[in-house]
Amino acid sequence: MSSALTYPLPVLPCIPDDLDDLDSRQALPHLMALMKNTLIRGLNRVHAYAPLVIVGHPALPPFLDYVRSLLAQLDVHLEEDATFFSSNALAVVAATEANPDTKTIRESIFSLKSLVSAWILDESKFCSSALCEGLAFGPTLVAIMQAQIRALTPTLLSSIISHLDLFELITASVGRISDSSDITFLFPFVVAHHDPTTSAHWPKVPQFCVEMFPMLLLNHPGCWQFAPYNPLTREAQNLIAISA
């Protein structure tokens, strides 16, 4: 799929409602949009910071950790999307835009993650232009996401699955993502990449995670300065602050 989109990539539309109060068939596309938006914002931050953080910059090591962790989380997300729409009652939409083929994009993510891992081992080889080039999959990815969300209408979902059955599938999906992720990165990442002005009800972070946040943040020290929002205060963070 070709795309006319460019960086900064546009986020997906979402609603401010508490999704727990909605029928799961109405809530699903909005829930997906909220999560996908955190990943889109992450890609935008990497693309914006790439030319600012140069070899020898003290922020380079945590920046590379941020990039690698983001790419790993993005791959987990795409893998789970494929699982979610192909192994249950939703399999009837497996061949539609609701379940896009992201094989080529995942290959690009793997290649870029390998490159970033090499830079982590030898920071002197870091190349900001190569990083930006490696993010070229972003516009196509967002175009696919846009089509996916448009395809998942409440009318379609109501015709193939019940509210309770879909709710159970969503719960299982969240569990699989947690099991496949670095939790010390996932929970702070979601909070630090969600615009709280778009929804005050999401994400629903477990209380024990909230209490552990200061400790969780220490597992990726320096990463969170690159996020669009401070994971503790949820205040917006300016790009300029890191370039000094």
Protein backbone atom coordinates (compact mmCIF):
# COMPACT_ATOMS: atom_id res chain seq x y z
CA MET A 1 0.00 0.00 0.00
CA SER A 2 1.46 3.34 -1.03
CA SER A 3 0.95 6.36 1.19
CA ALA A 4 1.08 10.12 0.79
CA LEU A 5 1.67 10.51 4.52
CA THR A 6 4.93 11.92 5.85
CA TYR A 7 6.52 12.55 9.23
CA PRO A 8 5.24 13.71 11.61
CA LEU A 9 2.70 10.96 11.18
CA PRO A 10 -0.94 11.76 12.03
CA VAL A 11 -2.53 9.99 14.94
CA LEU A 12 -5.79 8.11 14.61
CA PRO A 13 -9.10 9.68 15.70
CA CYS A 14 -10.34 8.63 19.12
CA ILE A 15 -13.10 9.51 21.55
CA PRO A 16 -12.88 10.84 25.13
CA ASP A 17 -15.46 8.40 26.52
CA ASP A 18 -14.69 5.77 29.14
CA LEU A 19 -14.49 2.70 26.90
CA ASP A 20 -15.38 0.42 29.81
CA ASP A 21 -18.88 1.88 29.66
CA LEU A 22 -19.36 0.92 25.99
CA ASP A 23 -20.35 -2.28 24.26
CA SER A 24 -17.05 -3.97 23.36
CA ARG A 25 -18.04 -3.96 19.68
CA GLN A 26 -18.25 -0.18 19.78
CA ALA A 27 -15.20 0.19 21.99
CA LEU A 28 -12.76 -2.03 20.05
CA PRO A 29 -11.77 0.36 17.23
CA HIS A 30 -11.34 3.22 19.71
CA LEU A 31 -9.28 1.04 22.06
CA MET A 32 -7.10 0.00 19.13
CA ALA A 33 -6.70 3.62 18.03
CA LEU A 34 -5.55 4.71 21.48
CA MET A 35 -2.86 2.02 21.62
CA LYS A 36 -1.74 2.54 18.04
CA ASN A 37 -1.47 6.27 18.69
CA THR A 38 1.13 5.65 21.39
CA LEU A 39 3.25 3.80 18.84
CA ILE A 40 2.73 6.49 16.20
CA ARG A 41 3.82 9.17 18.67
CA GLY A 42 6.88 7.08 19.48
CA LEU A 43 7.87 6.86 15.81
CA ASN A 44 7.39 10.61 15.47
CA ARG A 45 9.65 11.29 18.44
CA VAL A 46 12.39 9.03 17.09
CA HIS A 47 12.21 10.71 13.70
CA ALA A 48 12.33 14.19 15.28
CA TYR A 49 15.19 13.38 17.67
CA ALA A 50 17.37 11.47 15.18
CA PRO A 51 19.21 14.56 13.83
CA LEU A 52 19.50 16.12 17.32
CA VAL A 53 21.25 13.30 19.14
CA ILE A 54 24.68 12.85 17.56
CA VAL A 55 27.68 10.62 18.22
CA GLY A 56 29.27 11.66 21.49
CA HIS A 57 26.06 13.19 22.81
CA PRO A 58 25.44 11.96 26.38
CA ALA A 59 21.82 11.24 25.44
CA LEU A 60 22.76 8.80 22.67
CA PRO A 61 22.87 5.59 24.78
CA PRO A 62 19.40 6.07 26.32
CA PHE A 63 18.08 7.24 22.95
CA LEU A 64 19.18 4.02 21.29
CA ASP A 65 17.61 2.04 24.14
CA TYR A 66 14.38 3.99 23.57
CA VAL A 67 14.43 3.29 19.84
CA ARG A 68 15.15 -0.42 20.21
CA SER A 69 12.50 -0.85 22.89
CA LEU A 70 9.93 1.04 20.80
CA LEU A 71 10.62 -1.15 17.76
CA ALA A 72 10.32 -4.29 19.87
CA GLN A 73 6.98 -3.10 21.25
CA LEU A 74 5.73 -2.20 17.78
CA ASP A 75 6.57 -5.71 16.56
CA VAL A 76 4.72 -7.27 19.50
CA HIS A 77 1.70 -5.12 18.65
CA LEU A 78 1.63 -6.13 15.00
CA GLU A 79 2.08 -9.80 15.83
CA GLU A 80 -0.81 -9.64 18.28
CA ASP A 81 -3.02 -7.89 15.74
CA ALA A 82 -2.52 -10.83 13.39
CA THR A 83 -3.24 -13.34 16.15
CA PHE A 84 -6.31 -11.49 17.36
CA PHE A 85 -8.02 -11.41 13.97
CA SER A 86 -7.11 -14.87 12.74
CA SER A 87 -7.61 -17.37 15.53
CA ASN A 88 -11.16 -16.88 16.77
CA ALA A 89 -14.62 -15.71 15.76
CA LEU A 90 -13.05 -12.67 14.12
CA ALA A 91 -11.32 -14.92 11.57
CA VAL A 92 -14.11 -14.09 9.12
CA VAL A 93 -12.46 -10.70 8.63
CA ALA A 94 -8.94 -12.16 8.41
CA ALA A 95 -8.69 -11.50 4.67
CA THR A 96 -10.00 -7.91 4.88
CA GLU A 97 -8.47 -4.54 5.75
CA ALA A 98 -9.40 -5.28 9.35
CA ASN A 99 -6.49 -7.73 9.42
CA PRO A 100 -3.81 -6.18 7.19
CA ASP A 101 -0.73 -8.01 5.99
CA THR A 102 2.18 -6.36 7.81
CA LYS A 103 4.85 -8.92 6.92
CA THR A 104 6.93 -6.45 4.89
CA ILE A 105 6.64 -3.80 7.59
CA ARG A 106 7.70 -6.27 10.28
CA GLU A 107 10.72 -7.17 8.18
CA SER A 108 11.63 -3.48 8.04
CA ILE A 109 11.21 -3.21 11.81
CA PHE A 110 13.46 -6.24 12.33
CA SER A 111 16.13 -4.80 10.05
CA LEU A 112 16.08 -1.44 11.81
CA LYS A 113 16.12 -3.05 15.25
CA SER A 114 19.20 -5.06 14.22
CA LEU A 115 20.90 -1.87 13.06
CA VAL A 116 20.07 -0.09 16.31
CA SER A 117 21.41 -3.06 18.30
CA ALA A 118 24.68 -2.77 16.36
CA TRP A 119 24.86 0.94 17.22
CA ILE A 120 24.33 0.12 20.88
CA LEU A 121 27.40 -2.12 20.72
CA ASP A 122 29.43 0.57 18.90
CA GLU A 123 27.95 4.04 19.29
CA SER A 124 30.61 5.55 17.03
CA LYS A 125 28.81 4.01 14.03
CA PHE A 126 25.49 5.70 14.77
CA CYS A 127 24.07 7.45 11.71
CA SER A 128 21.02 9.67 12.11
CA SER A 129 20.22 9.64 8.39
CA ALA A 130 20.27 5.82 8.37
CA LEU A 131 17.88 5.84 11.31
CA CYS A 132 15.48 8.17 9.50
CA GLU A 133 15.71 6.02 6.38
CA GLY A 134 14.94 2.97 8.48
CA LEU A 135 11.73 4.63 9.65
CA ALA A 136 10.46 4.86 6.07
CA PHE A 137 7.86 2.19 6.82
CA GLY A 138 6.00 4.64 9.09
CA PRO A 139 3.71 6.33 6.55
CA THR A 140 2.61 3.00 5.06
CA LEU A 141 2.04 1.58 8.54
CA VAL A 142 -0.20 4.48 9.54
CA ALA A 143 -2.15 4.26 6.28
CA ILE A 144 -2.77 0.57 7.03
CA MET A 145 -3.84 1.42 10.56
CA GLN A 146 -6.27 4.04 9.28
CA ALA A 147 -7.88 1.54 6.91
CA GLN A 148 -8.02 -1.08 9.65
CA ILE A 149 -9.85 1.20 12.07
CA ARG A 150 -12.29 2.32 9.36
CA ALA A 151 -13.09 -1.32 8.55
CA LEU A 152 -13.88 -2.27 12.15
CA THR A 153 -17.33 -0.73 12.41
CA PRO A 154 -19.68 -1.62 15.27
CA THR A 155 -22.13 -2.85 12.62
CA LEU A 156 -19.60 -5.32 11.24
CA LEU A 157 -18.48 -6.51 14.64
CA SER A 158 -22.08 -6.91 15.87
CA SER A 159 -22.82 -9.14 12.90
CA ILE A 160 -20.10 -11.65 13.77
CA ILE A 161 -19.57 -11.66 17.53
CA SER A 162 -21.32 -10.92 20.82
CA HIS A 163 -20.33 -8.23 23.28
CA LEU A 164 -19.22 -10.75 25.92
CA ASP A 165 -17.29 -12.94 23.51
CA LEU A 166 -15.40 -9.95 22.12
CA PHE A 167 -14.75 -8.63 25.61
CA GLU A 168 -13.13 -11.97 26.49
CA LEU A 169 -11.00 -11.85 23.35
CA ILE A 170 -9.85 -8.31 24.15
CA THR A 171 -8.94 -9.33 27.70
CA ALA A 172 -6.95 -12.30 26.41
CA SER A 173 -5.22 -10.09 23.86
CA VAL A 174 -4.12 -7.61 26.52
CA GLY A 175 -2.74 -10.53 28.51
CA ARG A 176 -0.74 -11.84 25.55
CA ILE A 177 0.73 -8.42 24.87
CA SER A 178 1.80 -8.12 28.50
CA ASP A 179 3.34 -11.59 28.44
CA SER A 180 5.26 -10.84 25.23
CA SER A 181 6.51 -7.42 26.31
CA ASP A 182 9.13 -5.94 28.58
CA ILE A 183 6.69 -4.76 31.24
CA THR A 184 9.24 -2.32 32.63
CA PHE A 185 9.05 -0.54 29.27
CA LEU A 186 5.44 -1.22 28.21
CA PHE A 187 3.56 0.37 31.10
CA PRO A 188 5.61 3.59 31.31
CA PHE A 189 5.65 3.76 27.50
CA VAL A 190 1.87 3.69 27.16
CA VAL A 191 1.44 6.40 29.79
CA ALA A 192 4.24 8.55 28.37
CA HIS A 193 2.88 8.36 24.80
CA HIS A 194 -0.81 8.93 25.45
CA ASP A 195 -2.17 12.45 25.12
CA PRO A 196 -4.27 12.81 28.30
CA THR A 197 -6.31 15.60 26.71
CA THR A 198 -7.79 13.10 24.23
CA SER A 199 -9.00 10.71 26.94
CA ALA A 200 -8.75 10.95 30.70
CA HIS A 201 -9.95 7.35 31.11
CA TRP A 202 -7.14 5.54 29.32
CA PRO A 203 -4.83 3.78 29.89
CA LYS A 204 -6.19 1.75 32.77
CA VAL A 205 -2.90 1.08 34.53
CA PRO A 206 -3.17 -1.40 37.44
CA GLN A 207 -2.69 0.24 40.81
CA PHE A 208 0.31 -1.92 41.66
CA CYS A 209 2.00 -0.64 38.50
CA VAL A 210 1.25 2.95 39.44
CA GLU A 211 2.89 2.36 42.81
CA MET A 212 5.88 0.74 41.13
CA PHE A 213 6.28 3.41 38.44
CA PRO A 214 9.35 5.13 39.98
CA MET A 215 11.06 1.74 40.15
CA LEU A 216 9.92 0.70 36.66
CA LEU A 217 11.37 3.87 35.17
CA LEU A 218 14.82 2.93 36.46
CA ASN A 219 14.92 -0.13 34.19
CA HIS A 220 15.30 2.17 31.17
CA PRO A 221 17.06 5.18 32.66
CA GLY A 222 17.10 8.19 30.41
CA CYS A 223 14.53 6.77 27.98
CA TRP A 224 11.61 8.82 29.16
CA GLN A 225 13.15 12.19 28.36
CA PHE A 226 12.42 11.35 24.71
CA ALA A 227 8.73 10.62 25.27
CA PRO A 228 6.12 13.24 24.38
CA TYR A 229 4.74 13.18 27.94
CA ASN A 230 6.36 12.75 31.33
CA PRO A 231 5.25 9.32 32.61
CA LEU A 232 4.95 10.59 36.19
CA THR A 233 3.34 14.01 35.73
CA ARG A 234 1.85 13.41 32.25
CA GLU A 235 2.92 16.90 31.27
CA ALA A 236 4.02 17.50 27.67
CA GLN A 237 7.78 17.42 27.07
CA ASN A 238 9.43 19.74 24.58
CA LEU A 239 11.89 18.47 21.99
CA ILE A 240 14.21 21.42 22.53
CA ALA A 241 15.10 20.32 26.04
CA ILE A 242 17.18 17.36 24.88
CA SER A 243 19.19 19.04 22.12
CA ALA A 244 21.35 21.08 24.45
